[in-house]
Amino acid sequence: MSSDKIKDVKLAGEAAADTAREEMEAVKAHIERLVTQHIVPALGRAGGKAGDLTEQAVANARELADHTRNDLAKRTGSHTSWLSIAISGVVGFIIGRMSR
């Protein structure tokens, strides 16, 4: 090969490398634009929805706990009063028998 052909091949290789570099920069800029315009706002909306759903789930759990606590208090409240009366009666009976 002559030196002119070598120079031509070298120049063609450099031109191809420059073209490839420019195309890669253009693709990179396009991807950055897509991420900024579409993906970031979508992630922000998803985060907001997740926060709302979390707050709603916590509120539902608190409401369920309140209902459960109230139901349990109603059920055990009547049993507790009768149980207290029965225990008092038994203790009174035993103390009465011991005091004779």
N, C-alpha and C. Protein backbone atom coordinates (compact mmCIF):
# COMPACT_ATOMS: atom_id res chain seq x y z
N MET A 1 0.82 -1.17 0.00
CA MET A 1 0.00 0.00 0.00
C MET A 1 0.87 1.24 0.00
N SER A 2 0.39 2.18 -0.67
CA SER A 2 1.15 3.44 -0.71
C SER A 2 0.76 4.30 0.47
N SER A 3 1.55 5.29 0.74
CA SER A 3 1.31 6.16 1.89
C SER A 3 0.03 6.98 1.69
N ASP A 4 -0.32 7.29 0.44
CA ASP A 4 -1.57 8.03 0.19
C ASP A 4 -2.78 7.18 0.56
N LYS A 5 -2.75 5.90 0.21
CA LYS A 5 -3.87 5.02 0.55
C LYS A 5 -3.97 4.84 2.06
N ILE A 6 -2.83 4.75 2.72
CA ILE A 6 -2.82 4.59 4.17
C ILE A 6 -3.43 5.83 4.82
N LYS A 7 -3.07 7.01 4.31
CA LYS A 7 -3.63 8.25 4.83
C LYS A 7 -5.14 8.31 4.59
N ASP A 8 -5.55 7.87 3.40
CA ASP A 8 -6.99 7.87 3.09
C ASP A 8 -7.75 6.93 4.02
N VAL A 9 -7.19 5.75 4.27
CA VAL A 9 -7.84 4.78 5.17
C VAL A 9 -7.88 5.35 6.59
N LYS A 10 -6.79 6.00 6.99
CA LYS A 10 -6.73 6.59 8.33
C LYS A 10 -7.78 7.69 8.45
N LEU A 11 -7.89 8.56 7.46
CA LEU A 11 -8.88 9.63 7.47
C LEU A 11 -10.31 9.08 7.47
N ALA A 12 -10.52 8.02 6.72
CA ALA A 12 -11.86 7.39 6.68
C ALA A 12 -12.20 6.79 8.03
N GLY A 13 -11.23 6.16 8.67
CA GLY A 13 -11.44 5.59 10.01
C GLY A 13 -11.74 6.68 11.03
N GLU A 14 -11.01 7.80 10.97
CA GLU A 14 -11.26 8.90 11.89
C GLU A 14 -12.64 9.51 11.65
N ALA A 15 -13.02 9.62 10.36
CA ALA A 15 -14.35 10.17 10.03
C ALA A 15 -15.44 9.24 10.56
N ALA A 16 -15.25 7.93 10.41
CA ALA A 16 -16.24 6.97 10.91
C ALA A 16 -16.33 7.03 12.43
N ALA A 17 -15.18 7.19 13.09
CA ALA A 17 -15.17 7.29 14.55
C ALA A 17 -15.88 8.56 15.00
N ASP A 18 -15.65 9.66 14.32
CA ASP A 18 -16.31 10.92 14.66
C ASP A 18 -17.82 10.80 14.45
N THR A 19 -18.23 10.19 13.35
CA THR A 19 -19.65 10.00 13.08
C THR A 19 -20.30 9.13 14.15
N ALA A 20 -19.64 8.05 14.51
CA ALA A 20 -20.17 7.16 15.54
C ALA A 20 -20.27 7.89 16.88
N ARG A 21 -19.26 8.69 17.22
CA ARG A 21 -19.27 9.46 18.46
C ARG A 21 -20.44 10.45 18.47
N GLU A 22 -20.66 11.13 17.33
CA GLU A 22 -21.77 12.09 17.24
C GLU A 22 -23.12 11.39 17.37
N GLU A 23 -23.26 10.23 16.75
CA GLU A 23 -24.51 9.49 16.85
C GLU A 23 -24.75 9.01 18.28
N MET A 24 -23.69 8.58 18.96
CA MET A 24 -23.83 8.14 20.35
C MET A 24 -24.24 9.31 21.24
N GLU A 25 -23.68 10.48 21.01
CA GLU A 25 -24.05 11.67 21.78
C GLU A 25 -25.52 12.03 21.52
N ALA A 26 -25.96 11.91 20.27
CA ALA A 26 -27.35 12.22 19.93
C ALA A 26 -28.29 11.23 20.62
N VAL A 27 -27.93 9.95 20.62
CA VAL A 27 -28.75 8.94 21.29
C VAL A 27 -28.79 9.20 22.80
N LYS A 28 -27.64 9.55 23.36
CA LYS A 28 -27.56 9.85 24.79
C LYS A 28 -28.46 11.03 25.14
N ALA A 29 -28.41 12.08 24.34
CA ALA A 29 -29.25 13.26 24.58
C ALA A 29 -30.73 12.90 24.46
N HIS A 30 -31.06 12.07 23.49
CA HIS A 30 -32.46 11.63 23.30
C HIS A 30 -32.94 10.83 24.51
N ILE A 31 -32.11 9.93 25.01
CA ILE A 31 -32.48 9.12 26.17
C ILE A 31 -32.65 10.01 27.40
N GLU A 32 -31.76 10.96 27.60
CA GLU A 32 -31.88 11.88 28.73
C GLU A 32 -33.18 12.68 28.65
N ARG A 33 -33.53 13.12 27.46
CA ARG A 33 -34.77 13.87 27.26
C ARG A 33 -35.99 12.99 27.57
N LEU A 34 -35.98 11.75 27.11
CA LEU A 34 -37.08 10.84 27.39
C LEU A 34 -37.23 10.57 28.89
N VAL A 35 -36.10 10.33 29.55
CA VAL A 35 -36.14 10.07 31.00
C VAL A 35 -36.69 11.29 31.73
N THR A 36 -36.21 12.47 31.36
CA THR A 36 -36.64 13.69 32.04
C THR A 36 -38.11 13.99 31.79
N GLN A 37 -38.58 13.78 30.59
CA GLN A 37 -39.94 14.16 30.24
C GLN A 37 -40.98 13.10 30.60
N HIS A 38 -40.61 11.84 30.61
CA HIS A 38 -41.61 10.79 30.79
C HIS A 38 -41.42 9.95 32.04
N ILE A 39 -40.23 9.48 32.28
CA ILE A 39 -40.01 8.52 33.36
C ILE A 39 -40.02 9.21 34.72
N VAL A 40 -39.33 10.33 34.85
CA VAL A 40 -39.28 11.02 36.15
C VAL A 40 -40.68 11.45 36.60
N PRO A 41 -41.49 12.08 35.75
CA PRO A 41 -42.84 12.43 36.20
C PRO A 41 -43.69 11.20 36.55
N ALA A 42 -43.53 10.13 35.79
CA ALA A 42 -44.30 8.91 36.08
C ALA A 42 -43.90 8.33 37.43
N LEU A 43 -42.60 8.35 37.74
CA LEU A 43 -42.14 7.87 39.04
C LEU A 43 -42.66 8.76 40.17
N GLY A 44 -42.71 10.05 39.93
CA GLY A 44 -43.24 10.98 40.93
C GLY A 44 -44.71 10.70 41.21
N ARG A 45 -45.49 10.47 40.15
CA ARG A 45 -46.91 10.15 40.34
C ARG A 45 -47.07 8.83 41.08
N ALA A 46 -46.24 7.85 40.71
CA ALA A 46 -46.32 6.54 41.38
C ALA A 46 -45.97 6.67 42.86
N GLY A 47 -44.97 7.47 43.18
CA GLY A 47 -44.61 7.70 44.58
C GLY A 47 -45.75 8.36 45.34
N GLY A 48 -46.40 9.32 44.71
CA GLY A 48 -47.54 9.98 45.34
C GLY A 48 -48.69 9.01 45.60
N LYS A 49 -48.96 8.17 44.61
CA LYS A 49 -50.03 7.17 44.77
C LYS A 49 -49.67 6.17 45.87
N ALA A 50 -48.40 5.77 45.92
CA ALA A 50 -47.97 4.83 46.96
C ALA A 50 -48.13 5.46 48.34
N GLY A 51 -47.79 6.73 48.46
CA GLY A 51 -47.97 7.43 49.74
C GLY A 51 -49.44 7.49 50.14
N ASP A 52 -50.30 7.79 49.17
CA ASP A 52 -51.74 7.84 49.46
C ASP A 52 -52.26 6.48 49.88
N LEU A 53 -51.83 5.44 49.18
CA LEU A 53 -52.28 4.09 49.52
C LEU A 53 -51.77 3.67 50.90
N THR A 54 -50.56 4.09 51.23
CA THR A 54 -50.01 3.77 52.55
C THR A 54 -50.82 4.45 53.64
N GLU A 55 -51.14 5.73 53.44
CA GLU A 55 -51.94 6.45 54.43
C GLU A 55 -53.32 5.81 54.58
N GLN A 56 -53.90 5.41 53.47
CA GLN A 56 -55.22 4.77 53.51
C GLN A 56 -55.15 3.43 54.24
N ALA A 57 -54.09 2.67 53.99
CA ALA A 57 -53.94 1.37 54.66
C ALA A 57 -53.76 1.56 56.17
N VAL A 58 -52.99 2.57 56.56
CA VAL A 58 -52.80 2.84 57.99
C VAL A 58 -54.13 3.26 58.63
N ALA A 59 -54.88 4.10 57.95
CA ALA A 59 -56.18 4.53 58.48
C ALA A 59 -57.12 3.34 58.62
N ASN A 60 -57.13 2.46 57.62
CA ASN A 60 -57.99 1.27 57.69
C ASN A 60 -57.57 0.36 58.84
N ALA A 61 -56.26 0.20 59.04
CA ALA A 61 -55.77 -0.64 60.13
C ALA A 61 -56.15 -0.06 61.48
N ARG A 62 -56.05 1.27 61.62
CA ARG A 62 -56.44 1.91 62.88
C ARG A 62 -57.94 1.74 63.13
N GLU A 63 -58.73 1.92 62.09
CA GLU A 63 -60.18 1.76 62.23
C GLU A 63 -60.52 0.33 62.63
N LEU A 64 -59.89 -0.63 62.01
CA LEU A 64 -60.13 -2.04 62.34
C LEU A 64 -59.70 -2.33 63.78
N ALA A 65 -58.57 -1.78 64.19
CA ALA A 65 -58.11 -1.98 65.57
C ALA A 65 -59.09 -1.35 66.57
N ASP A 66 -59.62 -0.16 66.24
CA ASP A 66 -60.59 0.48 67.13
C ASP A 66 -61.86 -0.35 67.26
N HIS A 67 -62.37 -0.85 66.12
CA HIS A 67 -63.56 -1.70 66.15
C HIS A 67 -63.32 -2.97 66.96
N THR A 68 -62.17 -3.56 66.74
CA THR A 68 -61.84 -4.79 67.46
C THR A 68 -61.74 -4.53 68.96
N ARG A 69 -61.08 -3.43 69.32
CA ARG A 69 -60.94 -3.08 70.74
C ARG A 69 -62.31 -2.82 71.37
N ASN A 70 -63.17 -2.10 70.65
CA ASN A 70 -64.51 -1.82 71.18
C ASN A 70 -65.33 -3.10 71.32
N ASP A 71 -65.27 -3.96 70.33
CA ASP A 71 -65.99 -5.23 70.41
C ASP A 71 -65.48 -6.07 71.58
N LEU A 72 -64.18 -6.13 71.73
CA LEU A 72 -63.59 -6.91 72.82
C LEU A 72 -63.98 -6.31 74.17
N ALA A 73 -63.99 -4.99 74.26
CA ALA A 73 -64.38 -4.34 75.52
C ALA A 73 -65.84 -4.64 75.84
N LYS A 74 -66.70 -4.64 74.83
CA LYS A 74 -68.12 -4.95 75.06
C LYS A 74 -68.29 -6.39 75.52
N ARG A 75 -67.59 -7.29 74.90
CA ARG A 75 -67.73 -8.71 75.25
C ARG A 75 -67.16 -9.02 76.62
N THR A 76 -65.99 -8.47 76.93
CA THR A 76 -65.36 -8.79 78.20
C THR A 76 -65.91 -7.94 79.33
N GLY A 77 -66.50 -6.79 79.01
CA GLY A 77 -67.04 -5.92 80.04
C GLY A 77 -68.16 -6.58 80.81
N SER A 78 -69.08 -7.22 80.13
CA SER A 78 -70.19 -7.88 80.82
C SER A 78 -69.71 -9.11 81.57
N HIS A 79 -68.77 -9.83 81.02
CA HIS A 79 -68.22 -11.01 81.70
C HIS A 79 -67.42 -10.59 82.92
N THR A 80 -66.71 -9.49 82.79
CA THR A 80 -65.87 -9.04 83.89
C THR A 80 -66.72 -8.63 85.09
N SER A 81 -67.83 -7.94 84.85
CA SER A 81 -68.66 -7.52 85.98
C SER A 81 -69.27 -8.73 86.68
N TRP A 82 -69.75 -9.70 85.95
CA TRP A 82 -70.32 -10.90 86.58
C TRP A 82 -69.24 -11.70 87.28
N LEU A 83 -68.07 -11.73 86.69
CA LEU A 83 -66.96 -12.44 87.30
C LEU A 83 -66.53 -11.76 88.60
N SER A 84 -66.50 -10.44 88.58
CA SER A 84 -66.14 -9.69 89.79
C SER A 84 -67.15 -9.94 90.91
N ILE A 85 -68.41 -9.96 90.57
CA ILE A 85 -69.45 -10.22 91.56
C ILE A 85 -69.30 -11.63 92.12
N ALA A 86 -69.05 -12.59 91.26
CA ALA A 86 -68.90 -13.98 91.70
C ALA A 86 -67.68 -14.13 92.60
N ILE A 87 -66.57 -13.52 92.22
CA ILE A 87 -65.35 -13.62 93.03
C ILE A 87 -65.58 -12.97 94.39
N SER A 88 -66.22 -11.80 94.39
CA SER A 88 -66.50 -11.12 95.65
C SER A 88 -67.38 -11.99 96.55
N GLY A 89 -68.35 -12.62 95.96
CA GLY A 89 -69.23 -13.50 96.74
C GLY A 89 -68.47 -14.66 97.34
N VAL A 90 -67.61 -15.29 96.56
CA VAL A 90 -66.84 -16.43 97.05
C VAL A 90 -65.89 -15.98 98.15
N VAL A 91 -65.18 -14.86 97.93
CA VAL A 91 -64.26 -14.35 98.94
C VAL A 91 -65.02 -13.99 100.21
N GLY A 92 -66.15 -13.35 100.06
CA GLY A 92 -66.98 -13.00 101.22
C GLY A 92 -67.43 -14.24 101.97
N PHE A 93 -67.85 -15.24 101.24
CA PHE A 93 -68.28 -16.49 101.88
C PHE A 93 -67.15 -17.12 102.66
N ILE A 94 -65.95 -17.15 102.04
CA ILE A 94 -64.80 -17.78 102.70
C ILE A 94 -64.41 -16.98 103.95
N ILE A 95 -64.37 -15.67 103.84
CA ILE A 95 -64.02 -14.85 105.00
C ILE A 95 -65.09 -14.99 106.10
N GLY A 96 -66.33 -15.06 105.72
CA GLY A 96 -67.42 -15.27 106.68
C GLY A 96 -67.28 -16.59 107.39
N ARG A 97 -66.93 -17.62 106.70
CA ARG A 97 -66.77 -18.93 107.32
C ARG A 97 -65.57 -18.97 108.25
N MET A 98 -64.51 -18.22 107.86
CA MET A 98 -63.31 -18.22 108.68
C MET A 98 -63.46 -17.39 109.95
N SER A 99 -64.36 -16.42 109.91
CA SER A 99 -64.52 -15.54 111.05
C SER A 99 -65.37 -16.15 112.17
N ARG A 100 -65.98 -17.22 111.99
CA ARG A 100 -66.82 -17.89 112.99
C ARG A 100 -66.03 -18.54 114.01
